[in-house]
């Protein structure tokens, strides 16, 4: 057991002292560094009234193999009080392969829903009024395709593009750094990102065109400081790419959004969100000259930690998720997904998903936390931690800039190495017992009751492949071939790719076929290390 005077540090290496006093904030300029909620630098939140005006969106992530099964889960969650949709896609969909591709075998429907065509997207969204819900899609390399499929389904529902609201993750840089679901080399991948920016500015103005994600880097082992630094470094790269593509900063920056993890060091997480908002406000105004206040607002979605869930004593995860969700709310999140307690073992069961949703609802309606704006503001400890996270994150940003920016740092493998080293240190701490994980390295039980798990329906996987093959047989093959040729020609030129891609998908080209047209023009990314 640690003694009272033993030195305490966070995973990021920030020392936590036993007591904080006004002396710790002597150098703080309250007007410059904290201000009021809804005012630059947005340390206390991006909106003046925060949750007194409107609660965060409760956006539970779901993808259950087939489009029909996922649609049922969406309806179940909406009936129980969820306020936004969030779609998880299977690995073949993320990697641009149709469900009958040899490389998709064994992966169809495993980590989310399989979407091969506009008809699958229609089944996924059947009976859901797309002008009344907002939808978040966790998709990157094939983000443009999934957004276009969503738009086409809305069109068939009679919903015009300007009435659609939601977010597409569209954050390819973190895939090279931490997750691996990339297809094309970085340069054409960045073109797809900025083409989507321009397309949405023209056609889907309410859509958040990117969710710049620290979540997956954090899950891969990054510390809280690294999560802030690497996410903002990627964001800077996207802003520069959009400006280089001819877009003015205030034309696209208000639709940028962010996605962070929330792990178990409660106050470090609260401070992390405050520091990220303050840093982004200053980056956008001081470095990019943004004039629209919305361009400097870091609006973000939070997901509680997947890496913090344990397969041992899984009911303990309910408590972990509740604490992480509370930290996200105190940190000022705009939307929130709470992980289900059984997700370390399988896709979530209905019972586990409902408990996760109820966790948010208890915080929202019983805790009293939303009753005042930024209740932790002015805490000697939280403000000191916010300053320390910002200072350390800025050091990282300066190093990345010295390498030539995020793309160069990723291509050199430097960011990946930093994440791997942090993950190793954390795992060492768990194995040594220095970092306590209840039920894993302390308070262990010899026997645990089994948990009822969700199981993948193999018959639904077979049906997915059969529907795909039937689609290919009944569509106009010549029209599809011509449309795909136009996609490939556009990829070899400079026109916005989303317009020919939309027409190919309208003609019933599949996700894999459109991805292959781009592969022929762009090639595939092969990491050197």
Protein backbone atom coordinates (compact mmCIF):
# COMPACT_ATOMS: atom_id res chain seq x y z
CA UNK A 1 0.00 0.00 0.00
CA UNK A 2 1.38 3.39 -0.99
CA UNK A 3 2.34 5.68 1.85
CA UNK A 4 0.82 9.12 2.23
CA UNK A 5 4.04 10.91 1.30
CA UNK A 6 4.90 8.68 -1.65
CA UNK A 7 5.34 10.53 -4.95
CA UNK A 8 2.27 10.23 -7.19
CA UNK A 9 2.43 10.70 -10.96
CA UNK A 10 -0.05 10.24 -13.78
CA UNK A 11 0.63 8.00 -16.77
CA UNK A 12 1.79 11.15 -18.58
CA UNK A 13 4.42 11.68 -15.91
CA UNK A 14 2.70 14.69 -14.32
CA UNK A 15 3.40 14.82 -10.61
CA UNK A 16 0.31 15.18 -8.41
CA UNK A 17 1.06 16.92 -5.12
CA UNK A 18 -0.86 16.37 -1.90
CA UNK A 19 -2.18 19.95 -1.81
CA UNK A 20 -2.80 22.82 -4.23
CA UNK A 21 -3.22 26.46 -3.13
CA UNK A 22 -3.75 29.89 -4.72
CA UNK A 23 0.03 30.14 -5.06
CA UNK A 24 -0.13 27.49 -7.80
CA UNK A 25 -2.21 29.86 -9.94
CA UNK A 26 -0.25 33.05 -9.23
CA UNK A 27 0.96 33.29 -12.86
CA UNK A 28 -2.47 32.56 -14.31
CA UNK A 29 -4.26 35.40 -16.10
CA UNK A 30 -7.92 34.53 -15.54
CA UNK A 31 -9.21 36.67 -18.42
CA UNK A 32 -6.58 35.46 -20.90
CA UNK A 33 -6.33 31.80 -19.86
CA UNK A 34 -9.78 30.92 -18.51
CA UNK A 35 -12.33 33.62 -19.38
CA UNK A 36 -16.04 32.71 -19.39
CA UNK A 37 -17.82 29.74 -20.96
CA UNK A 38 -18.56 30.43 -24.61
CA UNK A 39 -15.76 32.99 -24.89
CA UNK A 40 -12.18 32.56 -26.19
CA UNK A 41 -10.07 30.63 -25.37
CA UNK A 42 -13.05 28.40 -24.45
CA UNK A 43 -11.26 26.77 -21.50
CA UNK A 44 -14.56 26.60 -19.63
CA UNK A 45 -16.61 25.29 -22.56
CA UNK A 46 -17.64 26.27 -26.06
CA UNK A 47 -21.18 27.43 -25.19
CA UNK A 48 -22.22 30.02 -22.57
CA UNK A 49 -24.93 27.89 -20.96
CA UNK A 50 -23.45 24.44 -21.70
CA UNK A 51 -25.76 21.71 -20.32
CA UNK A 52 -28.25 24.14 -18.79
CA UNK A 53 -29.13 25.04 -22.36
CA UNK A 54 -28.90 21.56 -23.87
CA UNK A 55 -27.54 18.26 -22.63
CA UNK A 56 -24.76 16.51 -24.48
CA UNK A 57 -25.89 14.12 -27.22
CA UNK A 58 -26.11 10.55 -25.93
CA UNK A 59 -24.70 8.78 -28.95
CA UNK A 60 -24.28 5.05 -28.30
CA UNK A 61 -22.01 3.32 -30.81
CA UNK A 62 -23.53 0.23 -32.47
CA UNK A 63 -22.78 -2.09 -35.35
CA UNK A 64 -24.15 -5.60 -35.06
CA UNK A 65 -23.06 -7.55 -38.15
CA UNK A 66 -25.95 -7.10 -40.56
CA UNK A 67 -27.74 -3.89 -41.47
CA UNK A 68 -31.06 -5.32 -40.25
CA UNK A 69 -29.69 -6.32 -36.85
CA UNK A 70 -27.99 -2.96 -36.40
CA UNK A 71 -31.22 -1.19 -37.36
CA UNK A 72 -32.99 -3.13 -34.61
CA UNK A 73 -30.32 -2.08 -32.09
CA UNK A 74 -30.63 1.57 -33.19
CA UNK A 75 -34.41 1.45 -32.70
CA UNK A 76 -33.96 -0.23 -29.30
CA UNK A 77 -31.56 2.49 -28.12
CA UNK A 78 -33.69 5.32 -29.53
CA UNK A 79 -36.73 3.86 -27.74
CA UNK A 80 -34.74 3.89 -24.48
CA UNK A 81 -33.71 7.55 -24.75
CA UNK A 82 -30.64 7.67 -26.98
CA UNK A 83 -30.49 11.01 -28.80
CA UNK A 84 -28.12 10.32 -31.71
CA UNK A 85 -26.91 7.43 -33.85
CA UNK A 86 -23.31 6.23 -34.01
CA UNK A 87 -22.34 3.55 -36.52
CA UNK A 88 -19.55 0.98 -36.15
CA UNK A 89 -18.50 -0.68 -39.42
CA UNK A 90 -16.86 -4.05 -39.90
CA UNK A 91 -13.24 -4.35 -40.97
CA UNK A 92 -13.88 -5.09 -44.69
CA UNK A 93 -16.05 -1.96 -44.94
CA UNK A 94 -13.31 0.08 -43.28
CA UNK A 95 -10.68 -1.32 -45.65
CA UNK A 96 -12.66 -0.95 -48.89
CA UNK A 97 -13.46 -4.63 -49.50
CA UNK A 98 -16.85 -6.07 -50.39
CA UNK A 99 -18.21 -8.85 -48.17
CA UNK A 100 -17.44 -11.53 -50.78
CA UNK A 101 -13.81 -10.46 -51.28
CA UNK A 102 -11.28 -13.16 -50.27
CA UNK A 103 -9.64 -10.77 -47.80
CA UNK A 104 -13.03 -10.24 -46.08
CA UNK A 105 -13.43 -13.89 -45.17
CA UNK A 106 -13.92 -14.36 -41.43
CA UNK A 107 -14.27 -10.62 -40.81
CA UNK A 108 -17.73 -9.80 -42.21
CA UNK A 109 -19.85 -8.33 -39.43
CA UNK A 110 -17.27 -9.06 -36.72
CA UNK A 111 -16.47 -5.57 -35.45
CA UNK A 112 -19.51 -3.73 -36.77
CA UNK A 113 -22.02 -3.63 -39.58
CA UNK A 114 -21.18 -4.72 -43.14
CA UNK A 115 -22.11 -2.11 -45.77
CA UNK A 116 -21.47 -2.99 -49.41
CA UNK A 117 -23.94 -0.78 -51.28
CA UNK A 118 -26.63 1.87 -51.09
CA UNK A 119 -29.14 -0.92 -50.52
CA UNK A 120 -27.33 -2.01 -47.34
CA UNK A 121 -27.31 1.60 -46.15
CA UNK A 122 -31.07 1.79 -46.81
CA UNK A 123 -31.62 -1.32 -44.67
CA UNK A 124 -29.43 0.13 -41.92
CA UNK A 125 -31.48 3.35 -41.79
CA UNK A 126 -34.92 1.88 -42.49
CA UNK A 127 -37.64 3.80 -40.68
CA UNK A 128 -35.22 6.33 -39.14
CA UNK A 129 -36.06 9.94 -40.10
CA UNK A 130 -32.71 11.35 -41.19
CA UNK A 131 -33.85 14.95 -40.87
CA UNK A 132 -34.62 14.38 -37.17
CA UNK A 133 -31.54 12.51 -35.92
CA UNK A 134 -27.83 13.20 -36.19
CA UNK A 135 -25.55 10.34 -37.14
CA UNK A 136 -21.88 9.77 -36.44
CA UNK A 137 -20.01 7.31 -38.63
CA UNK A 138 -16.68 5.96 -37.42
CA UNK A 139 -15.04 5.49 -40.80
CA UNK A 140 -11.85 6.83 -42.32
CA UNK A 141 -10.31 5.42 -45.50
CA UNK A 142 -13.79 4.90 -47.00
CA UNK A 143 -15.38 7.90 -45.27
CA UNK A 144 -16.38 9.63 -48.51
CA UNK A 145 -18.15 6.50 -49.76
CA UNK A 146 -20.17 6.03 -46.57
CA UNK A 147 -21.16 9.69 -46.47
CA UNK A 148 -22.33 9.52 -50.07
CA UNK A 149 -24.35 6.37 -49.38
CA UNK A 150 -25.98 8.17 -46.43
CA UNK A 151 -26.81 11.13 -48.66
CA UNK A 152 -28.29 8.85 -51.34
CA UNK A 153 -30.52 7.08 -48.81
CA UNK A 154 -31.68 10.45 -47.48
CA UNK A 155 -32.47 11.47 -51.05
CA UNK A 156 -34.61 8.34 -51.45
CA UNK A 157 -36.38 9.28 -48.18
CA UNK A 158 -37.10 12.73 -49.60
CA UNK A 159 -34.68 14.48 -47.23
CA UNK A 160 -32.56 17.16 -48.89
CA UNK A 161 -28.79 17.26 -48.15
CA UNK A 162 -28.91 20.63 -46.38
CA UNK A 163 -31.19 19.08 -43.71
CA UNK A 164 -28.74 16.31 -42.81
CA UNK A 165 -26.71 16.55 -39.62
CA UNK A 166 -23.94 14.39 -38.28
CA UNK A 167 -20.25 13.60 -38.36
CA UNK A 168 -17.98 11.40 -40.42
CA UNK A 169 -14.66 10.58 -38.76
CA UNK A 170 -12.59 11.00 -41.95
CA UNK A 171 -9.35 11.17 -39.94
CA UNK A 172 -6.83 9.18 -41.96
CA UNK A 173 -3.61 10.41 -40.31
CA UNK A 174 -4.24 8.61 -37.04
CA UNK A 175 -4.75 5.40 -39.04
CA UNK A 176 -1.12 5.53 -40.15
CA UNK A 177 -0.05 6.33 -36.58
CA UNK A 178 -2.08 3.94 -34.48
CA UNK A 179 -4.84 1.91 -36.06
CA UNK A 180 -3.89 0.64 -39.51
CA UNK A 181 -7.16 0.85 -41.49
CA UNK A 182 -5.67 2.91 -44.31
CA UNK A 183 -5.84 2.02 -48.02
CA UNK A 184 -4.00 4.64 -50.09
CA UNK A 185 -0.74 6.55 -49.54
CA UNK A 186 -0.93 9.70 -47.38
CA UNK A 187 -1.04 12.29 -50.19
CA UNK A 188 -4.11 10.98 -52.07
CA UNK A 189 -5.72 10.11 -48.76
CA UNK A 190 -5.41 13.75 -47.71
CA UNK A 191 -6.95 14.73 -51.04
CA UNK A 192 -10.01 12.63 -50.22
CA UNK A 193 -10.25 14.38 -46.85
CA UNK A 194 -10.18 17.88 -48.33
CA UNK A 195 -12.45 16.93 -51.25
CA UNK A 196 -14.99 15.88 -48.62
CA UNK A 197 -14.57 19.24 -46.87
CA UNK A 198 -15.35 21.08 -50.10
CA UNK A 199 -18.22 18.77 -51.05
CA UNK A 200 -19.98 19.25 -47.72
CA UNK A 201 -19.47 23.03 -47.80
CA UNK A 202 -21.27 22.94 -51.14
CA UNK A 203 -23.98 20.33 -50.49
CA UNK A 204 -24.26 19.25 -46.81
CA UNK A 205 -23.49 22.39 -44.80
CA UNK A 206 -24.63 21.04 -41.41
CA UNK A 207 -22.34 18.02 -41.59
CA UNK A 208 -19.19 17.85 -39.45
CA UNK A 209 -16.65 16.92 -42.09
CA UNK A 210 -14.02 15.37 -39.84
CA UNK A 211 -13.74 14.08 -36.30
CA UNK A 212 -10.05 14.44 -35.59
CA UNK A 213 -9.43 11.51 -33.33
CA UNK A 214 -7.16 11.13 -30.37
CA UNK A 215 -9.26 8.19 -29.20
CA UNK A 216 -7.50 5.48 -31.18
CA UNK A 217 -4.05 6.78 -30.32
CA UNK A 218 -5.02 6.78 -26.64
CA UNK A 219 -6.38 3.26 -26.92
CA UNK A 220 -3.10 2.19 -28.54
CA UNK A 221 -1.20 3.42 -25.48
CA UNK A 222 -0.73 7.20 -25.78
CA UNK A 223 -0.83 9.23 -22.58
CA UNK A 224 -3.31 12.06 -22.02
CA UNK A 225 -0.66 14.62 -23.00
CA UNK A 226 0.27 12.69 -26.15
CA UNK A 227 -3.40 12.33 -27.07
CA UNK A 228 -3.83 16.12 -27.00
CA UNK A 229 -0.56 16.85 -28.78
CA UNK A 230 -0.84 14.27 -31.56
CA UNK A 231 -4.52 15.05 -32.19
CA UNK A 232 -3.87 18.77 -32.52
CA UNK A 233 -0.79 18.12 -34.70
CA UNK A 234 -3.00 16.10 -37.07
CA UNK A 235 -5.63 18.84 -36.98
CA UNK A 236 -3.03 21.42 -38.00
CA UNK A 237 -2.05 19.19 -40.94
CA UNK A 238 -5.68 18.99 -42.09
CA UNK A 239 -6.14 22.75 -41.84
CA UNK A 240 -2.99 23.35 -43.87
CA UNK A 241 -4.06 20.80 -46.49
CA UNK A 242 -7.47 22.44 -46.85
CA UNK A 243 -5.93 25.90 -47.19
CA UNK A 244 -3.45 24.54 -49.76
CA UNK A 245 -6.43 23.09 -51.66
CA UNK A 246 -7.83 26.62 -51.99
CA UNK A 247 -10.36 26.70 -49.12
CA UNK A 248 -10.49 29.70 -46.79
CA UNK A 249 -10.10 28.79 -43.14
CA UNK A 250 -13.47 30.12 -42.02
CA UNK A 251 -15.21 28.26 -44.85
CA UNK A 252 -14.41 24.82 -43.39
CA UNK A 253 -13.04 25.19 -39.85
CA UNK A 254 -16.44 25.67 -38.13
CA UNK A 255 -17.37 22.12 -39.23
CA UNK A 256 -14.24 20.48 -37.81
CA UNK A 257 -14.86 18.33 -34.76
CA UNK A 258 -12.76 16.15 -32.48
CA UNK A 259 -12.98 12.75 -30.81
CA UNK A 260 -11.24 11.91 -27.55
CA UNK A 261 -11.02 8.99 -25.17
CA UNK A 262 -11.73 9.33 -21.48
CA UNK A 263 -9.67 7.05 -19.26
CA UNK A 264 -9.50 6.49 -15.53
CA UNK A 265 -7.32 9.28 -14.07
CA UNK A 266 -10.35 11.43 -13.34
CA UNK A 267 -8.92 14.93 -12.90
CA UNK A 268 -6.22 14.49 -15.52
CA UNK A 269 -8.99 13.70 -18.02
CA UNK A 270 -11.06 16.75 -17.02
CA UNK A 271 -7.99 18.97 -17.36
CA UNK A 272 -7.05 17.36 -20.69
CA UNK A 273 -10.27 18.52 -22.33
CA UNK A 274 -9.85 22.05 -20.96
CA UNK A 275 -6.26 22.25 -22.20
CA UNK A 276 -7.19 20.96 -25.66
CA UNK A 277 -9.89 23.63 -26.07
CA UNK A 278 -7.57 26.42 -25.02
CA UNK A 279 -4.76 25.26 -27.29
CA UNK A 280 -7.02 24.89 -30.34
CA UNK A 281 -8.48 28.36 -29.86
CA UNK A 282 -5.01 29.87 -29.86
CA UNK A 283 -3.76 27.78 -32.78
CA UNK A 284 -6.68 28.77 -35.00
CA UNK A 285 -6.62 32.48 -34.20
CA UNK A 286 -2.88 33.06 -33.84
CA UNK A 287 -1.49 30.68 -36.47
CA UNK A 288 -4.28 30.54 -39.05
CA UNK A 289 -5.96 33.92 -38.58
CA UNK A 290 -9.47 32.51 -38.15
CA UNK A 291 -12.01 35.29 -37.62
CA UNK A 292 -15.21 33.29 -37.19
CA UNK A 293 -15.38 32.36 -33.46
CA UNK A 294 -16.75 28.93 -34.43
CA UNK A 295 -13.48 28.17 -36.21
CA UNK A 296 -11.69 28.35 -32.86
CA UNK A 297 -14.17 26.21 -30.93
CA UNK A 298 -12.94 22.70 -30.22
CA UNK A 299 -16.18 20.71 -30.21
CA UNK A 300 -15.70 17.06 -29.38
CA UNK A 301 -17.26 13.65 -28.91
CA UNK A 302 -16.01 11.41 -26.12
CA UNK A 303 -15.96 7.65 -25.78
CA UNK A 304 -15.12 6.02 -22.49
CA UNK A 305 -12.01 3.87 -22.54
CA UNK A 306 -12.09 0.53 -24.29
CA UNK A 307 -8.54 -0.23 -23.13
CA UNK A 308 -9.59 0.36 -19.52
CA UNK A 309 -12.23 -2.39 -19.67
CA UNK A 310 -11.24 -5.73 -18.20
CA UNK A 311 -12.33 -9.26 -19.09
CA UNK A 312 -11.85 -10.18 -15.43
CA UNK A 313 -14.77 -9.23 -13.16
CA UNK A 314 -16.45 -7.41 -16.08
CA UNK A 315 -19.18 -5.87 -13.91
CA UNK A 316 -16.46 -3.60 -12.48
CA UNK A 317 -16.46 -1.96 -15.91
CA UNK A 318 -19.84 -0.40 -15.11
CA UNK A 319 -18.15 1.65 -12.37
CA UNK A 320 -15.18 2.49 -14.59
CA UNK A 321 -17.46 3.69 -17.36
CA UNK A 322 -19.53 5.82 -14.98
CA UNK A 323 -16.41 7.60 -13.67
CA UNK A 324 -15.05 8.17 -17.17
CA UNK A 325 -18.42 9.47 -18.38
CA UNK A 326 -18.61 11.89 -15.44
CA UNK A 327 -15.10 13.16 -16.23
CA UNK A 328 -16.12 13.73 -19.86
CA UNK A 329 -19.16 15.74 -18.78
CA UNK A 330 -17.14 17.81 -16.33
CA UNK A 331 -14.66 18.34 -19.18
CA UNK A 332 -17.41 19.79 -21.39
CA UNK A 333 -18.03 17.13 -24.06
CA UNK A 334 -20.64 17.75 -26.78
CA UNK A 335 -21.57 14.10 -27.21
CA UNK A 336 -20.77 10.90 -25.37
CA UNK A 337 -20.65 7.15 -25.87
CA UNK A 338 -20.44 4.97 -22.77
CA UNK A 339 -18.91 1.54 -23.32
CA UNK A 340 -20.84 -1.56 -22.30
CA UNK A 341 -19.40 -3.64 -19.49
CA UNK A 342 -19.07 -6.78 -21.65
CA UNK A 343 -17.11 -5.18 -24.53
CA UNK A 344 -13.81 -6.69 -23.41
CA UNK A 345 -15.42 -10.04 -24.26
CA UNK A 346 -17.73 -9.51 -27.25
CA UNK A 347 -20.00 -7.05 -29.05
CA UNK A 348 -22.34 -5.61 -26.40
CA UNK A 349 -25.52 -7.42 -25.45
CA UNK A 350 -28.79 -5.46 -25.30
CA UNK A 351 -28.74 -5.56 -21.49
CA UNK A 352 -25.19 -4.21 -21.31
CA UNK A 353 -25.91 -1.50 -23.90
CA UNK A 354 -28.95 -0.34 -21.92
CA UNK A 355 -26.93 -0.13 -18.69
CA UNK A 356 -24.35 1.97 -20.55
CA UNK A 357 -27.05 4.34 -21.80
CA UNK A 358 -28.69 4.50 -18.37
CA UNK A 359 -25.28 5.51 -16.93
CA UNK A 360 -25.38 8.70 -19.03
CA UNK A 361 -29.00 9.33 -18.08
CA UNK A 362 -28.27 9.03 -14.35
CA UNK A 363 -25.47 11.58 -14.70
CA UNK A 364 -27.72 13.87 -16.74
CA UNK A 365 -30.85 13.74 -14.61
CA UNK A 366 -29.83 12.70 -11.09
CA UNK A 367 -26.29 13.91 -10.35
CA UNK A 368 -26.89 17.67 -10.48
CA UNK A 369 -23.64 18.08 -12.43
CA UNK A 370 -25.31 19.78 -15.45
CA UNK A 371 -27.01 22.39 -13.26
CA UNK A 372 -24.11 24.84 -13.36
CA UNK A 373 -21.63 25.60 -16.10
CA UNK A 374 -18.11 24.23 -15.57
CA UNK A 375 -18.39 23.34 -11.86
CA UNK A 376 -14.66 22.53 -11.66
CA UNK A 377 -13.57 25.92 -13.02
CA UNK A 378 -11.21 27.70 -10.64
CA UNK A 379 -10.12 24.54 -8.83
CA UNK A 380 -6.49 25.04 -7.85
CA UNK A 381 -5.75 21.44 -8.78
CA UNK A 382 -7.70 21.30 -12.07
CA UNK A 383 -6.39 24.64 -13.34
CA UNK A 384 -2.81 23.65 -12.42
CA UNK A 385 -3.22 20.31 -14.19
CA UNK A 386 -4.69 22.09 -17.23
CA UNK A 387 -1.62 24.35 -17.40
CA UNK A 388 0.78 21.41 -17.09
CA UNK A 389 -0.94 19.38 -19.82
CA UNK A 390 -0.89 22.39 -22.12
CA UNK A 391 2.80 23.04 -21.46
CA UNK A 392 3.82 19.44 -22.14
CA UNK A 393 1.57 19.13 -25.19
CA UNK A 394 3.08 22.32 -26.64
CA UNK A 395 6.55 20.81 -26.28
CA UNK A 396 5.38 17.85 -28.37
CA UNK A 397 3.85 20.16 -30.99
CA UNK A 398 7.09 22.08 -31.29
CA UNK A 399 9.03 18.86 -31.83
CA UNK A 400 6.57 17.72 -34.50
CA UNK A 401 6.77 21.10 -36.25
CA UNK A 402 10.55 20.76 -36.23
CA UNK A 403 10.19 17.48 -38.13
CA UNK A 404 8.03 19.15 -40.79
CA UNK A 405 4.58 18.50 -39.32
CA UNK A 406 2.40 15.52 -38.45
CA UNK A 407 2.63 13.78 -41.83
CA UNK A 408 6.44 13.85 -41.75
CA UNK A 409 6.48 12.67 -38.11
CA UNK A 410 4.18 9.77 -38.98
CA UNK A 411 6.16 8.85 -42.09
CA UNK A 412 9.31 8.79 -39.96
CA UNK A 413 7.59 6.50 -37.44
CA UNK A 414 8.28 8.94 -34.59
CA UNK A 415 4.69 9.30 -33.36
CA UNK A 416 4.18 5.53 -33.56
CA UNK A 417 7.32 4.97 -31.48
CA UNK A 418 6.20 7.46 -28.83
CA UNK A 419 2.84 5.69 -28.51
CA UNK A 420 4.45 2.25 -28.33
CA UNK A 421 6.88 3.36 -25.62
CA UNK A 422 4.07 4.83 -23.53
CA UNK A 423 2.00 1.65 -23.91
CA UNK A 424 4.99 -0.43 -22.81
CA UNK A 425 5.51 1.70 -19.70
CA UNK A 426 1.84 1.41 -18.73
CA UNK A 427 1.84 -2.37 -19.21
CA UNK A 428 5.01 -2.67 -17.16
CA UNK A 429 3.27 -0.79 -14.35
CA UNK A 430 0.31 -3.19 -14.44
CA UNK A 431 2.53 -6.27 -14.45
CA UNK A 432 4.64 -4.98 -11.56
CA UNK A 433 1.55 -4.05 -9.55
CA UNK A 434 2.59 -0.40 -9.31
CA UNK A 435 -0.44 0.50 -11.41
CA UNK A 436 -3.44 -1.12 -9.72
CA UNK A 437 -6.25 -2.56 -11.85
CA UNK A 438 -8.99 -3.94 -9.61
CA UNK A 439 -9.76 -7.57 -10.39
CA UNK A 440 -6.64 -7.97 -12.56
CA UNK A 441 -3.59 -7.46 -10.34
CA UNK A 442 -5.36 -6.80 -7.02
CA UNK A 443 -8.58 -8.10 -5.47
CA UNK A 444 -8.49 -11.08 -7.83
CA UNK A 445 -11.11 -13.84 -7.59
CA UNK A 446 -10.49 -17.51 -8.31
CA UNK A 447 -13.96 -18.11 -9.73
CA UNK A 448 -16.14 -15.75 -11.73
CA UNK A 449 -19.73 -16.13 -12.89
CA UNK A 450 -20.03 -16.32 -16.69
CA UNK A 451 -21.51 -13.34 -18.52
CA UNK A 452 -24.13 -13.84 -21.23
CA UNK A 453 -22.56 -12.57 -24.47
CA UNK A 454 -23.84 -11.42 -27.83
CA UNK A 455 -23.04 -13.93 -30.58
CA UNK A 456 -22.57 -13.21 -34.29
CA UNK A 457 -25.32 -14.66 -36.51
CA UNK A 458 -23.42 -16.64 -39.15
CA UNK A 459 -26.60 -17.01 -41.23
CA UNK A 460 -26.76 -13.21 -41.48
CA UNK A 461 -23.20 -13.19 -42.84
CA UNK A 462 -24.15 -15.69 -45.56
CA UNK A 463 -27.23 -13.64 -46.40
CA UNK A 464 -25.06 -10.52 -46.75
CA UNK A 465 -22.90 -12.19 -49.39
CA UNK A 466 -25.94 -13.57 -51.22
CA UNK A 467 -27.60 -10.12 -51.36
CA UNK A 468 -24.40 -8.59 -52.71
CA UNK A 469 -24.15 -11.15 -55.48
CA UNK A 470 -27.82 -10.70 -56.36
CA UNK A 471 -27.29 -6.93 -56.61
CA UNK A 472 -24.50 -7.40 -59.12
CA UNK A 473 -26.70 -9.63 -61.27
CA UNK A 474 -29.71 -7.29 -61.52
CA UNK A 475 -28.02 -3.88 -61.87
CA UNK A 476 -27.05 -2.25 -65.19
CA UNK A 477 -23.48 -3.52 -65.47
CA UNK A 478 -22.59 -1.22 -68.34
CA UNK A 479 -23.70 1.89 -66.43
CA UNK A 480 -21.68 0.78 -63.42
CA UNK A 481 -18.59 0.19 -65.55
CA UNK A 482 -18.82 3.64 -67.14
CA UNK A 483 -19.34 5.32 -63.77
CA UNK A 484 -16.35 3.56 -62.24
CA UNK A 485 -14.19 4.61 -65.18
CA UNK A 486 -15.16 8.23 -64.50
CA UNK A 487 -14.12 7.81 -60.85
CA UNK A 488 -10.71 6.49 -61.90
CA UNK A 489 -10.22 9.29 -64.44
CA UNK A 490 -11.13 11.91 -61.83
CA UNK A 491 -8.65 10.33 -59.40
CA UNK A 492 -5.90 10.71 -62.01
CA UNK A 493 -6.86 14.39 -62.42
CA UNK A 494 -7.68 17.16 -59.98
CA UNK A 495 -11.50 17.35 -59.90
CA UNK A 496 -13.40 16.78 -56.67
CA UNK A 497 -13.76 13.01 -56.40
CA UNK A 498 -17.03 12.87 -54.50
CA UNK A 499 -19.22 13.88 -57.43
CA UNK A 500 -18.29 10.96 -59.74
CA UNK A 501 -18.19 8.62 -56.74
CA UNK A 502 -21.77 9.60 -55.86
CA UNK A 503 -22.99 8.78 -59.37
CA UNK A 504 -21.21 5.42 -59.35
CA UNK A 505 -22.82 4.52 -56.02
CA UNK A 506 -26.21 5.70 -57.30
CA UNK A 507 -25.79 3.27 -60.22
CA UNK A 508 -25.31 0.49 -57.59
CA UNK A 509 -21.54 0.26 -57.74
CA UNK A 510 -20.31 -1.30 -54.51
CA UNK A 511 -18.02 0.09 -51.87
CA UNK A 512 -15.30 -2.33 -52.91
CA UNK A 513 -15.60 -1.44 -56.58
CA UNK A 514 -15.31 2.30 -55.95
CA UNK A 515 -12.36 1.66 -53.62
CA UNK A 516 -10.71 -0.46 -56.33
CA UNK A 517 -11.13 2.33 -58.89
CA UNK A 518 -9.21 4.60 -56.52
CA UNK A 519 -6.64 1.87 -55.85
CA UNK A 520 -5.89 1.69 -59.57
CA UNK A 521 -5.20 5.42 -59.64
CA UNK A 522 -3.55 5.91 -56.23
CA UNK A 523 -1.98 2.56 -55.37
CA UNK A 524 -1.96 1.16 -51.84
CA UNK A 525 0.08 2.31 -48.86
CA UNK A 526 2.86 -0.07 -47.83
CA UNK A 527 4.58 1.07 -44.63
CA UNK A 528 8.35 0.86 -44.72
CA UNK A 529 8.62 -0.20 -41.09
